[in-house]
Amino acid sequence: MDLVEIAPPSFEVELDLRYATADNVTGAPIYTRAAAYLHSEAAAKLHSAIALARPLGYRFKIFDAFRPVEAQWRLWEAYPSAEFVADPRRGSPHSRGAAVDLTLVDGEGRELEMGTGFDSFTPQAHHARTDIPVTAQRGRALLLGLMTAAGWDCFMNEWWHYQLFNPRRLPLLSDRALGRGLMA
């Protein structure tokens, strides 16, 4: 499988890979290797989004990218809600290297206001919410505009999640896809 590591200096991003830590909805790491990977097509689209954000003074902070099928099962077991977590029996775009969870940071490295945190599995995390602060609505609109202009599709229930169009055309990947793997 054609997975590309998403890391500086090749990608001008910050990494805050939450599923390699306990700072996520499960309360425990679901994989141990703090590294981000995307399918080469998704990586190219991320480069495009980075190029669009740069002249505006923004960078991306990556929370998650490729998530092995085994990790998707751990996430589903902790939070079995199809509103926010893909059922691993159907497969997640993350488990195909076709999705990225991210936010925008300013020139000082501060995250833009988005109204909720990453993995805030509540209705307020949905796009187009008007019951969040106007600054958060602007932050989400900017993120949405940059990502869609770069060719990404969005998931309406999560402001942080973007994926390739038709991700199911790509195979599901297990932990073995990376050789040494991500899992403990």
C-alpha atoms as a PDB file:
ATOM      1  CA  MET A   1       0.000   0.000   0.000  1.00  0.00           C
ATOM      2  CA  ASP A   2       1.183   3.469  -0.832  1.00  0.00           C
ATOM      3  CA  LEU A   3       1.290   5.204   2.582  1.00  0.00           C
ATOM      4  CA  VAL A   4       3.268   8.418   3.033  1.00  0.00           C
ATOM      5  CA  GLU A   5       4.493   9.618   6.416  1.00  0.00           C
ATOM      6  CA  ILE A   6       3.079  13.034   7.275  1.00  0.00           C
ATOM      7  CA  ALA A   7       5.778  14.840   9.234  1.00  0.00           C
ATOM      8  CA  PRO A   8       8.043  17.882   9.022  1.00  0.00           C
ATOM      9  CA  PRO A   9      10.001  18.881   7.045  1.00  0.00           C
ATOM     10  CA  SER A  10       8.197  17.217   4.115  1.00  0.00           C
ATOM     11  CA  PHE A  11       4.870  18.510   5.453  1.00  0.00           C
ATOM     12  CA  GLU A  12       4.606  21.866   7.219  1.00  0.00           C
ATOM     13  CA  VAL A  13       2.302  20.587   9.970  1.00  0.00           C
ATOM     14  CA  GLU A  14       2.200  20.165  13.703  1.00  0.00           C
ATOM     15  CA  LEU A  15       1.502  16.715  15.093  1.00  0.00           C
ATOM     16  CA  ASP A  16      -0.692  16.059  18.126  1.00  0.00           C
ATOM     17  CA  LEU A  17      -1.559  12.410  17.527  1.00  0.00           C
ATOM     18  CA  ARG A  18      -4.153  11.860  20.200  1.00  0.00           C
ATOM     19  CA  TYR A  19      -4.722   8.138  19.665  1.00  0.00           C
ATOM     20  CA  ALA A  20      -1.095   7.444  20.566  1.00  0.00           C
ATOM     21  CA  THR A  21      -1.860   8.995  23.982  1.00  0.00           C
ATOM     22  CA  ALA A  22      -4.566   8.735  26.636  1.00  0.00           C
ATOM     23  CA  ASP A  23      -5.845  12.202  25.592  1.00  0.00           C
ATOM     24  CA  ASN A  24      -8.694  10.873  23.456  1.00  0.00           C
ATOM     25  CA  VAL A  25     -12.283   9.707  23.804  1.00  0.00           C
ATOM     26  CA  THR A  26     -11.204   6.198  24.915  1.00  0.00           C
ATOM     27  CA  GLY A  27      -9.010   7.468  27.763  1.00  0.00           C
ATOM     28  CA  ALA A  28      -6.170   5.166  26.651  1.00  0.00           C
ATOM     29  CA  PRO A  29      -3.788   4.899  23.710  1.00  0.00           C
ATOM     30  CA  ILE A  30      -5.256   2.861  20.857  1.00  0.00           C
ATOM     31  CA  TYR A  31      -1.917   2.686  19.076  1.00  0.00           C
ATOM     32  CA  THR A  32       1.575   3.240  20.390  1.00  0.00           C
ATOM     33  CA  ARG A  33       3.528   4.698  17.501  1.00  0.00           C
ATOM     34  CA  ALA A  34       3.080   8.478  17.292  1.00  0.00           C
ATOM     35  CA  ALA A  35       3.330   8.780  13.526  1.00  0.00           C
ATOM     36  CA  ALA A  36       0.859   9.959  10.879  1.00  0.00           C
ATOM     37  CA  TYR A  37       0.446   8.339   7.472  1.00  0.00           C
ATOM     38  CA  LEU A  38      -1.855   8.975   4.515  1.00  0.00           C
ATOM     39  CA  HIS A  39      -2.418   7.304   1.169  1.00  0.00           C
ATOM     40  CA  SER A  40      -0.296   9.099  -1.449  1.00  0.00           C
ATOM     41  CA  GLU A  41      -3.401  10.677  -3.033  1.00  0.00           C
ATOM     42  CA  ALA A  42      -4.481  12.091   0.337  1.00  0.00           C
ATOM     43  CA  ALA A  43      -0.937  13.247   1.069  1.00  0.00           C
ATOM     44  CA  ALA A  44      -0.915  15.223  -2.201  1.00  0.00           C
ATOM     45  CA  LYS A  45      -4.220  16.872  -1.262  1.00  0.00           C
ATOM     46  CA  LEU A  46      -2.803  17.743   2.161  1.00  0.00           C
ATOM     47  CA  HIS A  47       0.154  19.429   0.437  1.00  0.00           C
ATOM     48  CA  SER A  48      -2.375  21.473  -1.565  1.00  0.00           C
ATOM     49  CA  ALA A  49      -4.251  22.494   1.579  1.00  0.00           C
ATOM     50  CA  ILE A  50      -0.975  23.487   3.265  1.00  0.00           C
ATOM     51  CA  ALA A  51      -0.098  25.662   0.259  1.00  0.00           C
ATOM     52  CA  LEU A  52      -3.512  27.369   0.480  1.00  0.00           C
ATOM     53  CA  ALA A  53      -3.225  28.006   4.241  1.00  0.00           C
ATOM     54  CA  ARG A  54       0.381  29.263   4.242  1.00  0.00           C
ATOM     55  CA  PRO A  55      -0.181  32.741   2.675  1.00  0.00           C
ATOM     56  CA  LEU A  56      -3.046  33.308   5.127  1.00  0.00           C
ATOM     57  CA  GLY A  57      -0.673  32.708   8.055  1.00  0.00           C
ATOM     58  CA  TYR A  58      -2.106  29.333   9.103  1.00  0.00           C
ATOM     59  CA  ARG A  59      -0.783  25.817   9.522  1.00  0.00           C
ATOM     60  CA  PHE A  60      -2.497  22.523  10.213  1.00  0.00           C
ATOM     61  CA  LYS A  61      -2.304  20.490  13.393  1.00  0.00           C
ATOM     62  CA  ILE A  62      -2.907  16.788  12.743  1.00  0.00           C
ATOM     63  CA  PHE A  63      -4.785  14.764  15.380  1.00  0.00           C
ATOM     64  CA  ASP A  64      -5.108  11.522  13.411  1.00  0.00           C
ATOM     65  CA  ALA A  65      -4.552  10.095   9.940  1.00  0.00           C
ATOM     66  CA  PHE A  66      -4.137   6.391   9.055  1.00  0.00           C
ATOM     67  CA  ARG A  67      -5.733   4.262  11.756  1.00  0.00           C
ATOM     68  CA  PRO A  68      -5.183   0.508  11.467  1.00  0.00           C
ATOM     69  CA  VAL A  69      -8.287  -1.693  11.433  1.00  0.00           C
ATOM     70  CA  GLU A  70      -7.253  -3.052  14.848  1.00  0.00           C
ATOM     71  CA  ALA A  71      -7.244   0.480  16.301  1.00  0.00           C
ATOM     72  CA  GLN A  72     -10.626   1.182  14.699  1.00  0.00           C
ATOM     73  CA  TRP A  73     -12.016  -1.781  16.617  1.00  0.00           C
ATOM     74  CA  ARG A  74     -10.590  -0.375  19.881  1.00  0.00           C
ATOM     75  CA  LEU A  75     -12.205   2.995  19.169  1.00  0.00           C
ATOM     76  CA  TRP A  76     -15.532   1.357  18.288  1.00  0.00           C
ATOM     77  CA  GLU A  77     -15.468  -0.761  21.454  1.00  0.00           C
ATOM     78  CA  ALA A  78     -14.958   2.392  23.538  1.00  0.00           C
ATOM     79  CA  TYR A  79     -17.507   4.506  21.621  1.00  0.00           C
ATOM     80  CA  PRO A  80     -19.900   2.417  19.472  1.00  0.00           C
ATOM     81  CA  SER A  81     -21.823   5.301  17.909  1.00  0.00           C
ATOM     82  CA  ALA A  82     -22.121   5.380  14.118  1.00  0.00           C
ATOM     83  CA  GLU A  83     -22.898   9.105  14.383  1.00  0.00           C
ATOM     84  CA  PHE A  84     -19.213   9.717  15.125  1.00  0.00           C
ATOM     85  CA  VAL A  85     -17.218   6.487  14.776  1.00  0.00           C
ATOM     86  CA  ALA A  86     -17.188   4.271  11.683  1.00  0.00           C
ATOM     87  CA  ASP A  87     -18.316   0.733  12.355  1.00  0.00           C
ATOM     88  CA  PRO A  88     -15.173  -1.346  11.728  1.00  0.00           C
ATOM     89  CA  ARG A  89     -17.261  -4.040  10.015  1.00  0.00           C
ATOM     90  CA  ARG A  90     -17.925  -1.474   7.244  1.00  0.00           C
ATOM     91  CA  GLY A  91     -14.501   0.103   7.492  1.00  0.00           C
ATOM     92  CA  SER A  92     -13.323   3.611   8.228  1.00  0.00           C
ATOM     93  CA  PRO A  93     -11.744   6.013   5.730  1.00  0.00           C
ATOM     94  CA  HIS A  94      -8.974   6.310   8.345  1.00  0.00           C
ATOM     95  CA  SER A  95      -8.269   2.579   8.003  1.00  0.00           C
ATOM     96  CA  ARG A  96      -7.707   3.123   4.287  1.00  0.00           C
ATOM     97  CA  GLY A  97      -5.234   6.014   4.757  1.00  0.00           C
ATOM     98  CA  ALA A  98      -7.878   8.240   3.152  1.00  0.00           C
ATOM     99  CA  ALA A  99      -8.837  10.494   6.085  1.00  0.00           C
ATOM    100  CA  VAL A 100      -7.239  13.077   8.318  1.00  0.00           C
ATOM    101  CA  ASP A 101      -8.420  14.739  11.532  1.00  0.00           C
ATOM    102  CA  LEU A 102      -7.008  18.238  11.919  1.00  0.00           C
ATOM    103  CA  THR A 103      -7.434  21.841  12.922  1.00  0.00           C
ATOM    104  CA  LEU A 104      -5.835  25.168  12.043  1.00  0.00           C
ATOM    105  CA  VAL A 105      -3.219  26.978  14.104  1.00  0.00           C
ATOM    106  CA  ASP A 106      -2.113  30.580  13.730  1.00  0.00           C
ATOM    107  CA  GLY A 107       1.421  31.920  13.372  1.00  0.00           C
ATOM    108  CA  GLU A 108       1.955  31.583  17.127  1.00  0.00           C
ATOM    109  CA  GLY A 109       0.862  27.942  17.124  1.00  0.00           C
ATOM    110  CA  ARG A 110      -2.487  28.663  18.788  1.00  0.00           C
ATOM    111  CA  GLU A 111      -5.434  26.574  17.637  1.00  0.00           C
ATOM    112  CA  LEU A 112      -8.251  28.555  16.056  1.00  0.00           C
ATOM    113  CA  GLU A 113     -11.503  28.511  17.987  1.00  0.00           C
ATOM    114  CA  MET A 114     -13.738  25.727  16.637  1.00  0.00           C
ATOM    115  CA  GLY A 115     -16.487  25.622  19.265  1.00  0.00           C
ATOM    116  CA  THR A 116     -15.598  22.148  20.562  1.00  0.00           C
ATOM    117  CA  GLY A 117     -12.442  20.166  20.996  1.00  0.00           C
ATOM    118  CA  PHE A 118     -11.301  17.289  18.833  1.00  0.00           C
ATOM    119  CA  ASP A 119     -13.413  14.149  19.388  1.00  0.00           C
ATOM    120  CA  SER A 120     -16.139  16.105  21.134  1.00  0.00           C
ATOM    121  CA  PHE A 121     -18.829  13.659  20.089  1.00  0.00           C
ATOM    122  CA  THR A 122     -21.765  16.031  20.544  1.00  0.00           C
ATOM    123  CA  PRO A 123     -24.158  17.763  18.144  1.00  0.00           C
ATOM    124  CA  GLN A 124     -22.071  20.949  18.559  1.00  0.00           C
ATOM    125  CA  ALA A 125     -19.268  19.210  16.637  1.00  0.00           C
ATOM    126  CA  HIS A 126     -21.404  19.113  13.479  1.00  0.00           C
ATOM    127  CA  HIS A 127     -20.589  21.536  10.671  1.00  0.00           C
ATOM    128  CA  ALA A 128     -22.850  24.586  10.154  1.00  0.00           C
ATOM    129  CA  ARG A 129     -23.772  24.993  13.817  1.00  0.00           C
ATOM    130  CA  THR A 130     -25.020  28.457  14.649  1.00  0.00           C
ATOM    131  CA  ASP A 131     -25.203  27.831  18.401  1.00  0.00           C
ATOM    132  CA  ILE A 132     -21.427  28.138  18.812  1.00  0.00           C
ATOM    133  CA  PRO A 133     -19.489  31.421  19.052  1.00  0.00           C
ATOM    134  CA  VAL A 134     -19.132  33.397  15.820  1.00  0.00           C
ATOM    135  CA  THR A 135     -15.337  33.086  16.051  1.00  0.00           C
ATOM    136  CA  ALA A 136     -15.746  29.301  16.054  1.00  0.00           C
ATOM    137  CA  GLN A 137     -18.106  29.457  13.079  1.00  0.00           C
ATOM    138  CA  ARG A 138     -15.463  31.479  11.228  1.00  0.00           C
ATOM    139  CA  GLY A 139     -12.716  29.023  12.188  1.00  0.00           C
ATOM    140  CA  ARG A 140     -14.740  26.081  10.929  1.00  0.00           C
ATOM    141  CA  ALA A 141     -15.673  27.907   7.721  1.00  0.00           C
ATOM    142  CA  LEU A 142     -12.009  28.722   7.055  1.00  0.00           C
ATOM    143  CA  LEU A 143     -10.956  25.113   7.674  1.00  0.00           C
ATOM    144  CA  LEU A 144     -13.790  23.822   5.489  1.00  0.00           C
ATOM    145  CA  GLY A 145     -12.928  26.267   2.699  1.00  0.00           C
ATOM    146  CA  LEU A 146      -9.231  25.393   2.691  1.00  0.00           C
ATOM    147  CA  MET A 147      -9.803  21.669   2.767  1.00  0.00           C
ATOM    148  CA  THR A 148     -12.551  21.552   0.154  1.00  0.00           C
ATOM    149  CA  ALA A 149     -10.594  23.909  -2.129  1.00  0.00           C
ATOM    150  CA  ALA A 150      -7.740  21.389  -1.905  1.00  0.00           C
ATOM    151  CA  GLY A 151     -10.063  18.583  -3.009  1.00  0.00           C
ATOM    152  CA  TRP A 152     -11.152  17.013   0.275  1.00  0.00           C
ATOM    153  CA  ASP A 153     -14.642  15.840   1.241  1.00  0.00           C
ATOM    154  CA  CYS A 154     -15.914  16.619   4.740  1.00  0.00           C
ATOM    155  CA  PHE A 155     -17.835  14.537   7.260  1.00  0.00           C
ATOM    156  CA  MET A 156     -20.762  16.688   8.379  1.00  0.00           C
ATOM    157  CA  ASN A 157     -20.786  15.337  11.960  1.00  0.00           C
ATOM    158  CA  GLU A 158     -17.185  16.280  12.759  1.00  0.00           C
ATOM    159  CA  TRP A 159     -15.640  19.652  11.959  1.00  0.00           C
ATOM    160  CA  TRP A 160     -12.134  18.112  12.203  1.00  0.00           C
ATOM    161  CA  HIS A 161     -12.602  15.150   9.806  1.00  0.00           C
ATOM    162  CA  TYR A 162     -11.776  15.306   6.092  1.00  0.00           C
ATOM    163  CA  GLN A 163     -11.463  12.430   3.652  1.00  0.00           C
ATOM    164  CA  LEU A 164     -10.941  11.574   0.019  1.00  0.00           C
ATOM    165  CA  PHE A 165     -14.043  11.291  -2.109  1.00  0.00           C
ATOM    166  CA  ASN A 166     -15.145   7.660  -2.449  1.00  0.00           C
ATOM    167  CA  PRO A 167     -12.636   6.290   0.083  1.00  0.00           C
ATOM    168  CA  ARG A 168     -14.087   2.755  -0.153  1.00  0.00           C
ATOM    169  CA  ARG A 169     -12.266   2.311  -3.464  1.00  0.00           C
ATOM    170  CA  LEU A 170      -9.126   1.872  -1.325  1.00  0.00           C
ATOM    171  CA  PRO A 171      -8.497  -1.307   0.686  1.00  0.00           C
ATOM    172  CA  LEU A 172      -8.738  -1.513   4.449  1.00  0.00           C
ATOM    173  CA  LEU A 173      -5.293  -1.770   6.031  1.00  0.00           C
ATOM    174  CA  SER A 174      -4.277  -3.608   9.147  1.00  0.00           C
ATOM    175  CA  ASP A 175      -1.441  -2.753  11.481  1.00  0.00           C
ATOM    176  CA  ARG A 176       0.882  -4.879   9.335  1.00  0.00           C
ATOM    177  CA  ALA A 177       0.585  -2.317   6.482  1.00  0.00           C
ATOM    178  CA  LEU A 178       3.438  -0.331   8.025  1.00  0.00           C
ATOM    179  CA  GLY A 179       5.801  -3.210   8.580  1.00  0.00           C
ATOM    180  CA  ARG A 180       6.717  -2.512  12.180  1.00  0.00           C
ATOM    181  CA  GLY A 181       3.151  -1.455  12.900  1.00  0.00           C
ATOM    182  CA  LEU A 182       1.465   1.041  15.185  1.00  0.00           C
ATOM    183  CA  MET A 183      -0.113  -1.305  17.699  1.00  0.00           C
ATOM    184  CA  ALA A 184       1.343  -2.276  21.049  1.00  0.00           C
END
